[in-house]
Amino acid sequence: MIAATAMPVLGEGAFLAWLDRAAPGERIAYHEGHLGCDRAFRISHLPEPVRAEINRVAVCAMDLAGQGRVVLAQRRVGEDRVAYLAIKATPPKAKGGRA
């Protein structure tokens, strides 16, 4: 069994606020634990509001990665614990070399 995370949940609003003010290359841990289990209905041991917010942030992170606005990465922080990171992407340069 994977222990419930003691780390406060980074809410979707805080995640998006970070993205608005972050410089390219800056990173934030948007979850720590086991994301697949922690966001799964009937599997997660976290309270439903926490599990639902983790799921919203994870979906938002995937959507932003699909848009090329963030790069997602993981870093092991302990046995059965992973930090899930979002790294602000560098905006692509427009034709003619201008951003």
Protein backbone atom coordinates (compact mmCIF):
# COMPACT_ATOMS: atom_id res chain seq x y z
CA MET A 1 0.00 0.00 0.00
CA ILE A 2 1.28 3.47 -0.86
CA ALA A 3 1.05 5.99 1.93
CA ALA A 4 -1.02 9.13 1.48
CA THR A 5 1.07 12.20 0.74
CA ALA A 6 1.61 14.74 3.49
CA MET A 7 2.55 17.38 0.92
CA PRO A 8 -0.09 20.05 0.42
CA VAL A 9 -1.86 19.78 -2.90
CA LEU A 10 -0.93 22.39 -5.47
CA GLY A 11 -4.33 23.44 -6.72
CA GLU A 12 -5.16 24.12 -10.35
CA GLY A 13 -5.42 27.88 -9.75
CA ALA A 14 -2.00 28.01 -8.08
CA PHE A 15 -0.54 25.89 -10.88
CA LEU A 16 -1.87 28.23 -13.57
CA ALA A 17 -0.75 31.31 -11.60
CA TRP A 18 2.76 29.82 -11.44
CA LEU A 19 2.70 29.26 -15.21
CA ASP A 20 1.71 32.89 -15.85
CA ARG A 21 4.64 34.31 -13.87
CA ALA A 22 7.32 31.63 -14.44
CA ALA A 23 10.26 32.21 -16.75
CA PRO A 24 11.17 29.53 -19.31
CA GLY A 25 13.09 26.73 -17.61
CA GLU A 26 11.56 27.31 -14.18
CA ARG A 27 10.01 24.24 -12.62
CA ILE A 28 7.42 23.38 -10.02
CA ALA A 29 6.48 20.11 -8.35
CA TYR A 30 2.75 19.80 -8.89
CA HIS A 31 2.43 16.51 -6.97
CA GLU A 32 4.52 14.22 -4.83
CA GLY A 33 3.56 10.60 -4.24
CA HIS A 34 2.33 8.12 -6.84
CA LEU A 35 0.21 10.13 -9.27
CA GLY A 36 -1.52 7.18 -10.92
CA CYS A 37 -2.72 5.78 -7.60
CA ASP A 38 -3.33 9.10 -5.88
CA ARG A 39 -5.71 10.33 -8.57
CA ALA A 40 -7.56 7.04 -9.15
CA PHE A 41 -11.15 6.74 -7.93
CA ARG A 42 -11.54 3.84 -5.46
CA ILE A 43 -7.77 3.23 -5.36
CA SER A 44 -6.53 6.45 -3.78
CA HIS A 45 -6.47 6.58 0.02
CA LEU A 46 -6.73 10.38 -0.10
CA PRO A 47 -9.96 12.23 0.74
CA GLU A 48 -12.16 12.71 -2.31
CA PRO A 49 -11.72 16.52 -2.58
CA VAL A 50 -7.92 16.12 -2.49
CA ARG A 51 -8.00 13.25 -5.01
CA ALA A 52 -10.24 15.26 -7.35
CA GLU A 53 -7.94 18.31 -7.18
CA ILE A 54 -4.87 16.15 -7.89
CA ASN A 55 -6.72 14.79 -10.92
CA ARG A 56 -7.63 18.30 -12.15
CA VAL A 57 -4.01 19.46 -11.84
CA ALA A 58 -2.72 16.33 -13.62
CA VAL A 59 -5.18 16.79 -16.51
CA CYS A 60 -4.25 20.48 -16.73
CA ALA A 61 -0.53 19.62 -16.79
CA MET A 62 -1.06 17.10 -19.59
CA ASP A 63 -3.12 19.61 -21.59
CA LEU A 64 -0.41 22.27 -21.20
CA ALA A 65 2.25 19.75 -22.23
CA GLY A 66 0.20 18.91 -25.32
CA GLN A 67 0.13 22.63 -26.17
CA GLY A 68 3.91 22.83 -25.76
CA ARG A 69 3.65 25.25 -22.82
CA VAL A 70 5.30 22.93 -20.28
CA VAL A 71 7.54 19.89 -20.29
CA LEU A 72 6.65 17.21 -17.76
CA ALA A 73 9.26 15.26 -15.82
CA GLN A 74 9.57 13.05 -12.76
CA ARG A 75 12.16 12.77 -10.02
CA ARG A 76 12.30 9.93 -7.52
CA VAL A 77 12.34 11.30 -3.97
CA GLY A 78 12.05 8.05 -2.05
CA GLU A 79 10.79 4.51 -2.18
CA ASP A 80 7.34 4.64 -3.81
CA ARG A 81 7.52 8.47 -3.95
CA VAL A 82 7.98 10.54 -7.05
CA ALA A 83 7.96 14.31 -7.52
CA TYR A 84 5.99 15.23 -10.66
CA LEU A 85 7.45 18.34 -12.23
CA ALA A 86 6.24 20.87 -14.77
CA ILE A 87 8.96 22.89 -16.49
CA LYS A 88 7.91 26.04 -18.31
CA ALA A 89 8.77 25.65 -21.97
CA THR A 90 10.61 28.21 -24.05
CA PRO A 91 8.16 29.75 -26.51
CA PRO A 92 8.89 28.75 -30.11
CA LYS A 93 10.43 31.44 -32.27
CA ALA A 94 8.25 32.85 -35.00
CA LYS A 95 9.37 32.72 -38.62
CA GLY A 96 12.18 35.18 -39.18
CA GLY A 97 13.72 34.43 -35.75
CA ARG A 98 11.43 36.64 -33.68
CA ALA A 99 9.59 35.36 -30.64
